[in-house]
N, C-alpha and C. Protein backbone atom coordinates (compact mmCIF):
# COMPACT_ATOMS: atom_id res chain seq x y z
N MET A 1 239.92 -240.52 -7.80
CA MET A 1 238.83 -239.76 -6.87
C MET A 1 238.19 -238.87 -8.19
N ASN A 2 238.87 -238.01 -8.16
CA ASN A 2 238.06 -236.84 -9.23
C ASN A 2 237.34 -237.69 -10.20
N ILE A 3 237.35 -238.78 -10.85
CA ILE A 3 236.70 -239.30 -12.01
C ILE A 3 235.64 -240.13 -11.25
N VAL A 4 235.46 -240.51 -9.85
CA VAL A 4 234.58 -240.79 -8.98
C VAL A 4 233.54 -240.06 -8.44
N VAL A 5 233.91 -238.97 -7.95
CA VAL A 5 233.22 -238.07 -7.75
C VAL A 5 232.33 -237.30 -8.57
N GLY A 6 232.91 -237.39 -10.23
CA GLY A 6 232.71 -236.62 -11.45
C GLY A 6 231.42 -237.79 -11.89
N ILE A 7 231.57 -239.06 -11.68
CA ILE A 7 230.62 -240.07 -11.93
C ILE A 7 229.44 -239.61 -10.89
N ILE A 8 229.61 -239.66 -10.17
CA ILE A 8 228.33 -239.36 -8.95
C ILE A 8 227.68 -238.34 -9.14
N ILE A 9 228.58 -237.32 -9.12
CA ILE A 9 227.75 -235.96 -9.59
C ILE A 9 226.80 -236.05 -10.85
N PHE A 10 227.42 -236.71 -11.60
CA PHE A 10 226.96 -236.72 -13.27
C PHE A 10 225.20 -238.12 -12.70
N ILE A 11 225.84 -238.83 -12.32
CA ILE A 11 224.45 -239.93 -12.13
C ILE A 11 223.45 -238.67 -10.99
N VAL A 12 223.82 -238.11 -10.00
CA VAL A 12 222.69 -237.52 -9.68
C VAL A 12 222.22 -236.33 -9.89
N GLY A 13 222.91 -235.61 -10.60
CA GLY A 13 222.58 -234.25 -11.62
C GLY A 13 221.54 -235.21 -12.70
N ALA A 14 221.62 -236.57 -13.30
CA ALA A 14 220.93 -237.04 -14.29
C ALA A 14 219.52 -237.36 -13.28
N ILE A 15 219.72 -237.94 -12.30
CA ILE A 15 218.37 -238.12 -11.65
C ILE A 15 217.88 -236.70 -11.43
N ALA A 16 218.11 -235.99 -10.71
CA ALA A 16 217.72 -234.83 -10.32
C ALA A 16 216.81 -234.34 -11.51
N GLY A 17 217.95 -234.12 -12.93
CA GLY A 17 217.35 -233.72 -14.02
C GLY A 17 215.82 -234.50 -14.07
N MET A 18 215.66 -235.61 -14.04
CA MET A 18 214.79 -236.50 -14.71
C MET A 18 213.60 -236.12 -14.11
N LEU A 19 213.57 -236.06 -12.84
CA LEU A 19 212.31 -235.67 -11.75
C LEU A 19 212.06 -234.38 -12.19
N ALA A 20 212.98 -233.65 -12.23
CA ALA A 20 212.14 -232.01 -12.70
C ALA A 20 212.10 -232.21 -14.28
N ASN A 21 211.90 -232.75 -15.07
CA ASN A 21 211.31 -232.93 -16.53
C ASN A 21 210.05 -233.80 -16.09
N LYS A 22 209.78 -234.91 -15.17
CA LYS A 22 208.49 -235.57 -15.11
C LYS A 22 207.64 -234.38 -14.37
N PHE A 23 208.10 -233.46 -13.13
CA PHE A 23 207.25 -232.73 -12.68
C PHE A 23 207.07 -231.40 -13.43
N MET A 24 207.99 -230.90 -14.29
CA MET A 24 207.82 -229.59 -15.21
C MET A 24 206.93 -230.03 -16.46
N SER A 25 206.88 -231.45 -17.18
CA SER A 25 206.43 -232.05 -18.17
C SER A 25 204.85 -232.01 -17.46
N ALA A 26 204.28 -232.43 -16.11
CA ALA A 26 202.92 -232.77 -15.75
C ALA A 26 202.24 -230.97 -15.71
N SER A 27 203.08 -230.24 -15.06
CA SER A 27 202.45 -229.20 -14.96
C SER A 27 202.23 -228.61 -16.00
N ASN A 28 202.94 -228.80 -17.66
CA ASN A 28 203.12 -228.16 -18.73
C ASN A 28 201.62 -228.63 -19.12
N LYS A 29 201.63 -229.96 -19.03
CA LYS A 29 200.28 -230.83 -19.71
C LYS A 29 199.16 -230.09 -18.83
N GLU A 30 198.99 -229.81 -17.68
CA GLU A 30 197.78 -229.29 -16.81
C GLU A 30 197.59 -227.79 -17.88
N SER A 31 198.63 -227.11 -17.69
CA SER A 31 198.48 -225.66 -18.43
C SER A 31 198.21 -225.98 -20.13
N LYS A 32 198.55 -227.02 -20.58
CA LYS A 32 197.83 -227.09 -22.32
C LYS A 32 196.42 -227.27 -21.99
N ASN A 33 195.89 -228.25 -21.02
CA ASN A 33 194.91 -228.72 -20.90
C ASN A 33 194.02 -227.20 -20.09
N LEU A 34 194.04 -226.84 -19.60
CA LEU A 34 193.39 -225.41 -19.16
C LEU A 34 193.38 -224.44 -20.57
N ALA A 35 194.63 -224.29 -21.00
CA ALA A 35 194.80 -223.62 -21.95
C ALA A 35 193.63 -223.60 -23.48
N GLU A 36 193.37 -225.31 -23.43
CA GLU A 36 192.95 -225.67 -24.64
C GLU A 36 190.97 -225.48 -23.94
N LYS A 37 190.79 -225.97 -22.59
CA LYS A 37 189.54 -225.48 -22.46
C LYS A 37 188.86 -224.05 -22.30
N ALA A 38 190.14 -223.07 -21.69
CA ALA A 38 189.83 -221.61 -22.26
C ALA A 38 189.73 -221.68 -23.41
N SER A 39 190.22 -221.74 -24.63
CA SER A 39 189.94 -221.41 -26.11
C SER A 39 189.01 -222.30 -26.37
N GLU A 40 188.38 -223.29 -25.64
CA GLU A 40 186.82 -224.11 -26.24
C GLU A 40 185.95 -222.82 -25.41
N ALA A 41 186.25 -222.06 -24.12
CA ALA A 41 185.17 -221.45 -23.53
C ALA A 41 184.69 -220.36 -24.39
N GLU A 42 186.23 -219.79 -24.60
CA GLU A 42 186.09 -218.54 -25.57
C GLU A 42 185.52 -218.58 -27.06
N ALA A 43 185.55 -219.40 -27.29
CA ALA A 43 184.67 -220.32 -28.87
C ALA A 43 183.27 -220.44 -28.65
N SER A 44 183.13 -220.96 -27.59
CA SER A 44 181.43 -221.12 -27.22
C SER A 44 180.96 -219.78 -27.42
N LEU A 45 181.28 -219.06 -26.27
CA LEU A 45 181.33 -217.42 -26.08
C LEU A 45 181.23 -216.65 -27.32
N ALA A 46 182.03 -216.47 -28.17
CA ALA A 46 181.68 -216.48 -29.56
C ALA A 46 180.56 -216.56 -30.40
N GLN A 47 180.22 -217.73 -30.39
CA GLN A 47 179.27 -218.33 -31.03
C GLN A 47 178.06 -218.30 -30.61
N TYR A 48 177.72 -217.70 -28.70
CA TYR A 48 176.76 -217.77 -28.18
C TYR A 48 176.48 -215.87 -28.66
N LYS A 49 177.16 -215.15 -28.57
CA LYS A 49 177.07 -213.60 -29.15
C LYS A 49 176.80 -213.68 -30.57
N LEU A 50 177.36 -214.58 -31.24
CA LEU A 50 176.71 -214.45 -32.65
C LEU A 50 175.22 -214.79 -32.64
N ASP A 51 174.76 -216.01 -31.88
CA ASP A 51 173.64 -216.44 -31.98
C ASP A 51 172.49 -215.56 -31.29
N VAL A 52 173.07 -214.96 -30.22
CA VAL A 52 171.95 -213.61 -29.52
C VAL A 52 171.85 -212.62 -30.85
N ALA A 53 173.32 -212.24 -31.51
CA ALA A 53 172.97 -211.06 -32.37
C ALA A 53 172.12 -211.45 -33.47
N GLU A 54 171.84 -212.56 -33.88
CA GLU A 54 171.04 -213.16 -35.13
C GLU A 54 169.71 -213.16 -34.56
N HIS A 55 169.20 -213.32 -33.67
CA HIS A 55 167.99 -213.46 -33.05
C HIS A 55 167.47 -212.29 -32.77
N LEU A 56 168.42 -211.34 -32.08
CA LEU A 56 167.79 -210.03 -31.64
C LEU A 56 167.26 -209.32 -33.27
N ASP A 57 168.36 -209.73 -34.12
CA ASP A 57 168.12 -209.02 -35.61
C ASP A 57 166.72 -209.40 -36.09
N ASP A 58 165.98 -210.96 -36.17
CA ASP A 58 165.15 -211.76 -36.86
C ASP A 58 164.30 -210.93 -35.56
N SER A 59 164.22 -210.81 -34.38
CA SER A 59 163.20 -210.12 -33.48
C SER A 59 162.89 -208.91 -34.16
N LYS A 60 163.98 -208.19 -34.58
CA LYS A 60 163.52 -206.81 -35.17
C LYS A 60 163.02 -206.80 -36.53
N LYS A 61 163.49 -207.74 -36.94
CA LYS A 61 162.93 -208.06 -38.56
C LYS A 61 161.35 -207.99 -38.16
N LEU A 62 160.77 -208.64 -37.48
CA LEU A 62 159.54 -209.24 -37.19
C LEU A 62 158.76 -208.23 -36.28
N LEU A 63 159.27 -207.33 -35.15
CA LEU A 63 158.60 -206.43 -35.12
C LEU A 63 158.23 -205.38 -36.01
N GLU A 64 159.16 -205.41 -37.35
CA GLU A 64 159.08 -204.04 -38.19
C GLU A 64 157.80 -204.66 -39.02
N GLN A 65 158.04 -206.06 -39.06
CA GLN A 65 156.88 -206.77 -40.53
C GLN A 65 155.55 -205.68 -39.65
N MET A 66 155.48 -206.62 -38.17
CA MET A 66 154.34 -206.38 -37.28
C MET A 66 153.64 -204.79 -37.62
N ASN A 67 154.65 -203.59 -36.94
CA ASN A 67 154.39 -202.84 -37.40
C ASN A 67 153.71 -202.28 -38.68
N ASN A 68 154.40 -202.79 -39.81
CA ASN A 68 154.09 -202.40 -41.05
C ASN A 68 152.39 -202.88 -41.11
N THR A 69 152.34 -204.19 -40.63
CA THR A 69 151.01 -204.89 -40.55
C THR A 69 149.94 -203.98 -39.98
N CYS A 70 150.33 -203.52 -38.80
CA CYS A 70 149.60 -202.29 -37.81
C CYS A 70 149.02 -201.14 -38.78
N GLN A 71 149.75 -200.78 -39.27
CA GLN A 71 149.79 -199.30 -39.94
C GLN A 71 149.16 -199.54 -41.15
N THR A 72 149.04 -200.61 -41.94
CA THR A 72 147.87 -200.85 -42.91
C THR A 72 146.75 -201.16 -41.98
N ALA A 73 146.80 -202.03 -41.47
CA ALA A 73 145.09 -201.92 -40.89
C ALA A 73 144.76 -200.69 -40.07
N MET A 74 145.42 -200.07 -39.84
CA MET A 74 144.82 -198.59 -39.28
C MET A 74 144.26 -197.87 -40.19
N GLN A 75 144.98 -197.78 -41.77
CA GLN A 75 144.58 -197.02 -42.84
C GLN A 75 143.31 -197.59 -43.71
N GLN A 76 143.38 -198.86 -43.29
CA GLN A 76 141.89 -199.36 -43.99
C GLN A 76 140.73 -199.09 -43.25
N MET A 77 141.15 -199.03 -41.56
CA MET A 77 140.42 -198.77 -40.82
C MET A 77 140.07 -197.27 -40.96
N GLU A 78 140.76 -196.59 -41.09
CA GLU A 78 140.49 -195.24 -41.04
C GLU A 78 139.60 -194.96 -42.60
N GLN A 79 140.17 -195.43 -43.90
CA GLN A 79 139.29 -195.12 -44.67
C GLN A 79 137.70 -195.69 -44.96
N SER A 80 137.64 -197.16 -44.14
CA SER A 80 136.14 -197.56 -43.86
C SER A 80 135.58 -196.51 -43.04
N THR A 81 135.88 -195.97 -41.86
CA THR A 81 135.38 -195.10 -40.95
C THR A 81 134.87 -193.63 -41.93
N LYS A 82 135.72 -193.21 -42.91
CA LYS A 82 135.63 -192.53 -43.86
C LYS A 82 134.17 -192.70 -44.63
N LEU A 83 134.57 -194.20 -45.39
CA LEU A 83 133.29 -194.46 -46.15
C LEU A 83 132.24 -194.32 -45.35
N LEU A 84 132.09 -195.17 -44.00
CA LEU A 84 130.54 -195.02 -43.60
C LEU A 84 130.23 -193.90 -43.15
N GLN A 85 131.30 -192.48 -42.68
CA GLN A 85 130.98 -191.16 -42.54
C GLN A 85 130.02 -190.43 -43.47
N GLN A 86 130.43 -190.83 -44.87
CA GLN A 86 130.23 -190.63 -46.50
C GLN A 86 128.84 -190.99 -46.72
N ALA A 87 128.34 -192.42 -46.04
CA ALA A 87 127.43 -193.19 -46.21
C ALA A 87 126.30 -192.28 -45.17
N THR A 88 126.44 -192.28 -44.25
CA THR A 88 125.70 -191.41 -43.18
C THR A 88 125.29 -189.98 -43.72
N THR A 89 126.24 -189.19 -44.17
CA THR A 89 125.96 -187.99 -44.18
C THR A 89 125.07 -187.69 -45.86
N ALA A 90 125.32 -188.97 -46.52
CA ALA A 90 124.59 -188.55 -47.91
C ALA A 90 123.13 -188.99 -47.93
N GLU A 91 122.59 -188.93 -49.12
CA GLU A 91 121.11 -189.33 -48.91
C GLU A 91 121.16 -190.51 -48.11
N GLU A 92 120.23 -191.32 -47.61
CA GLU A 92 120.24 -192.45 -46.69
C GLU A 92 119.16 -192.84 -47.82
N ILE A 93 119.50 -193.64 -48.08
CA ILE A 93 118.91 -195.02 -49.43
C ILE A 93 118.39 -195.78 -48.49
N VAL A 94 117.19 -196.37 -48.69
CA VAL A 94 116.94 -197.77 -47.86
C VAL A 94 116.93 -199.02 -48.51
N MET A 95 117.86 -199.84 -48.30
CA MET A 95 118.22 -200.83 -49.11
C MET A 95 117.42 -202.13 -48.37
N PRO A 96 116.66 -202.77 -48.69
CA PRO A 96 115.95 -204.05 -47.92
C PRO A 96 116.90 -205.04 -47.59
N PHE A 97 116.51 -205.19 -46.22
CA PHE A 97 118.01 -206.91 -45.79
C PHE A 97 117.32 -207.63 -46.96
N PHE A 98 116.11 -208.00 -47.20
CA PHE A 98 115.88 -209.53 -47.82
C PHE A 98 115.49 -209.09 -49.47
N ALA A 99 115.69 -209.85 -50.13
CA ALA A 99 114.85 -209.81 -51.56
C ALA A 99 113.72 -209.58 -51.91
N LYS A 100 112.81 -208.87 -52.87
CA LYS A 100 111.14 -208.70 -53.16
C LYS A 100 110.96 -210.04 -52.55
N GLU A 101 111.24 -211.04 -53.63
CA GLU A 101 110.60 -212.39 -53.52
C GLU A 101 110.63 -212.92 -51.90
N THR A 102 111.89 -212.77 -51.11
CA THR A 102 112.25 -213.22 -49.98
C THR A 102 110.81 -212.51 -48.88
N GLN A 103 110.73 -211.13 -49.04
CA GLN A 103 109.75 -210.58 -48.27
C GLN A 103 108.78 -210.80 -48.51
N GLU A 104 107.89 -210.67 -49.84
CA GLU A 104 106.89 -211.22 -50.13
C GLU A 104 106.31 -212.72 -49.26
N GLN A 105 107.27 -214.12 -49.39
CA GLN A 105 107.17 -214.90 -49.00
C GLN A 105 107.12 -214.93 -47.48
N LEU A 106 107.79 -214.21 -46.68
CA LEU A 106 107.62 -213.39 -45.39
C LEU A 106 106.31 -213.07 -44.71
N ALA A 107 106.06 -212.49 -45.69
CA ALA A 107 104.56 -211.94 -45.44
C ALA A 107 103.66 -212.76 -45.79
N GLN A 108 103.45 -213.73 -46.37
CA GLN A 108 102.56 -214.79 -46.37
C GLN A 108 102.66 -215.72 -45.49
N THR A 109 103.72 -216.06 -45.00
CA THR A 109 104.39 -216.79 -44.00
C THR A 109 103.47 -216.17 -42.42
N VAL A 110 103.85 -214.61 -42.66
CA VAL A 110 103.38 -214.01 -41.22
C VAL A 110 102.21 -214.00 -41.08
N ALA A 111 101.05 -214.05 -42.47
CA ALA A 111 99.79 -213.95 -42.24
C ALA A 111 99.08 -215.30 -41.70
N LEU A 112 99.50 -216.41 -42.36
CA LEU A 112 99.36 -217.68 -42.27
C LEU A 112 99.34 -218.17 -40.26
N ARG A 113 100.07 -217.87 -40.08
CA ARG A 113 100.70 -217.75 -38.75
C ARG A 113 99.44 -216.85 -37.89
N HIS A 114 99.49 -215.80 -38.50
CA HIS A 114 98.30 -214.98 -37.42
C HIS A 114 97.42 -215.42 -37.62
N ASP A 115 96.23 -215.95 -38.99
CA ASP A 115 95.37 -216.67 -39.09
C ASP A 115 95.41 -217.98 -38.02
N ARG A 116 96.41 -218.71 -37.78
CA ARG A 116 95.78 -219.91 -37.10
C ARG A 116 95.66 -219.39 -35.77
N ASN A 117 96.97 -218.72 -35.22
CA ASN A 117 96.38 -218.24 -34.00
C ASN A 117 94.91 -217.51 -33.81
N GLU A 118 94.78 -216.66 -34.43
CA GLU A 118 93.54 -216.80 -34.37
C GLU A 118 92.47 -217.52 -33.92
N ARG A 119 92.53 -218.62 -34.82
CA ARG A 119 91.55 -219.84 -34.84
C ARG A 119 91.74 -220.48 -33.51
N ALA A 120 93.10 -220.36 -33.39
CA ALA A 120 93.18 -221.14 -31.76
C ALA A 120 92.61 -220.24 -30.67
N LYS A 121 92.60 -218.84 -31.00
CA LYS A 121 91.87 -218.26 -29.95
C LYS A 121 90.60 -218.42 -29.71
N GLN A 122 89.79 -218.55 -30.74
CA GLN A 122 88.43 -218.66 -30.83
C GLN A 122 88.20 -219.86 -30.45
N GLU A 123 88.66 -220.67 -30.77
CA GLU A 123 88.09 -222.50 -29.92
C GLU A 123 88.22 -222.40 -28.37
N THR A 124 86.94 -222.77 -27.57
CA THR A 124 87.03 -222.25 -26.72
C THR A 124 87.31 -223.58 -25.92
N VAL A 125 87.88 -223.81 -24.70
CA VAL A 125 88.12 -225.39 -23.82
C VAL A 125 87.01 -225.28 -23.06
N THR A 126 86.42 -226.36 -23.28
CA THR A 126 85.34 -226.60 -22.38
C THR A 126 85.65 -227.16 -21.01
N GLU A 127 86.70 -228.18 -20.61
CA GLU A 127 87.20 -228.80 -19.66
C GLU A 127 88.65 -228.42 -19.47
N ALA A 128 89.03 -228.79 -18.66
CA ALA A 128 90.50 -228.56 -18.14
C ALA A 128 91.19 -229.92 -18.79
N PRO A 129 92.51 -230.30 -18.78
CA PRO A 129 93.20 -231.65 -19.24
C PRO A 129 93.30 -232.86 -17.95
N LEU A 130 93.59 -233.58 -17.90
CA LEU A 130 93.45 -234.63 -16.99
C LEU A 130 94.11 -234.42 -16.04
N ASP A 131 95.67 -234.20 -15.98
CA ASP A 131 96.30 -233.94 -15.16
C ASP A 131 96.26 -232.42 -14.31
N TYR A 132 95.02 -231.61 -14.51
CA TYR A 132 94.88 -230.85 -13.89
C TYR A 132 93.13 -231.06 -13.25
N SER A 133 93.25 -232.20 -12.97
CA SER A 133 91.68 -232.45 -12.87
C SER A 133 91.24 -232.03 -11.22
N GLY A 134 89.97 -231.77 -11.42
CA GLY A 134 89.47 -231.12 -9.80
C GLY A 134 89.57 -232.16 -8.67
N THR A 135 89.40 -233.74 -9.33
CA THR A 135 89.32 -234.82 -8.06
C THR A 135 90.91 -235.36 -8.28
N ALA A 136 90.99 -235.41 -7.17
CA ALA A 136 92.02 -236.10 -6.57
C ALA A 136 92.52 -237.82 -6.62
N SER A 137 93.72 -238.08 -7.89
CA SER A 137 93.48 -239.50 -8.16
C SER A 137 94.28 -240.33 -7.36
N GLY A 138 95.04 -239.92 -6.22
CA GLY A 138 95.32 -241.00 -5.19
C GLY A 138 96.83 -241.49 -5.22
N LEU A 139 97.30 -241.26 -6.29
CA LEU A 139 98.30 -241.48 -7.13
C LEU A 139 99.52 -241.81 -5.94
N PHE A 140 99.52 -240.02 -5.58
CA PHE A 140 100.75 -239.59 -4.27
C PHE A 140 100.36 -240.10 -3.11
N ALA A 141 99.08 -240.55 -2.77
CA ALA A 141 98.67 -240.84 -1.54
C ALA A 141 98.70 -242.01 -0.88
N ASP A 142 99.31 -242.44 0.14
CA ASP A 142 99.72 -243.80 0.54
C ASP A 142 97.95 -244.51 0.72
N GLN A 143 98.02 -244.99 -0.17
CA GLN A 143 96.87 -246.12 -0.47
C GLN A 143 96.75 -247.21 -1.16
N THR A 144 96.43 -248.32 -0.83
CA THR A 144 96.93 -249.56 -1.80
C THR A 144 95.60 -249.15 -2.93
N GLN A 145 95.84 -250.11 -4.33
CA GLN A 145 95.29 -249.45 -5.44
C GLN A 145 94.53 -251.07 -5.35
N ALA A 146 93.46 -251.27 -5.82
CA ALA A 146 92.70 -252.57 -5.81
C ALA A 146 93.32 -253.21 -7.21
N VAL A 147 93.69 -252.57 -8.22
CA VAL A 147 93.99 -252.95 -9.59
C VAL A 147 95.86 -253.28 -9.80
N THR A 148 96.39 -252.37 -8.90
CA THR A 148 97.71 -252.69 -9.06
C THR A 148 98.19 -253.41 -8.07
N ASN A 149 97.46 -253.70 -6.77
CA ASN A 149 97.94 -254.96 -5.99
C ASN A 149 97.14 -256.27 -6.33
N SER A 150 96.58 -256.32 -7.15
CA SER A 150 95.58 -257.80 -7.81
C SER A 150 97.17 -258.75 -8.90
N ASP A 151 97.73 -257.95 -9.41
CA ASP A 151 98.34 -258.76 -10.29
C ASP A 151 100.06 -259.25 -9.02
N ILE A 152 100.18 -258.55 -8.09
CA ILE A 152 101.55 -258.84 -7.06
C ILE A 152 100.64 -259.89 -6.35
N GLU A 153 99.65 -260.02 -5.76
CA GLU A 153 99.13 -261.06 -4.85
C GLU A 153 98.99 -262.63 -6.00
N LYS A 154 99.00 -262.47 -7.03
CA LYS A 154 98.70 -264.03 -8.04
C LYS A 154 99.87 -264.66 -8.15
């Protein structure tokens, strides 16, 4: 009977061991999956931190470049202002806007226009144009016109 009890205990122990192994391995797989997901999340967080650091570094370089450009522009503005101030304080030399030949041509053109305007003023108008005539044409009056109605009646 000791042998039968030993075999039964062995069989019950084997079944209990298989069940325990099955439940333990499932929780072990879940823990492995969770550990993998956690390591992936940590890796993506580290990559994100690197991307942000690189972006901030690029932004810093661009701002420095923009600052240098602004400084250069300010220096050029100061130099231009100094040159303008020197030009106004020195003897003012009147420089013509147009060349000498162009000024002569413009003077001739102005003289021709003045002559034409004077001729137009000298001519006197003896009568008003037809659209300013003193008599009414009847165009806007509600009257029948013999000329226009004759074509319609035929």
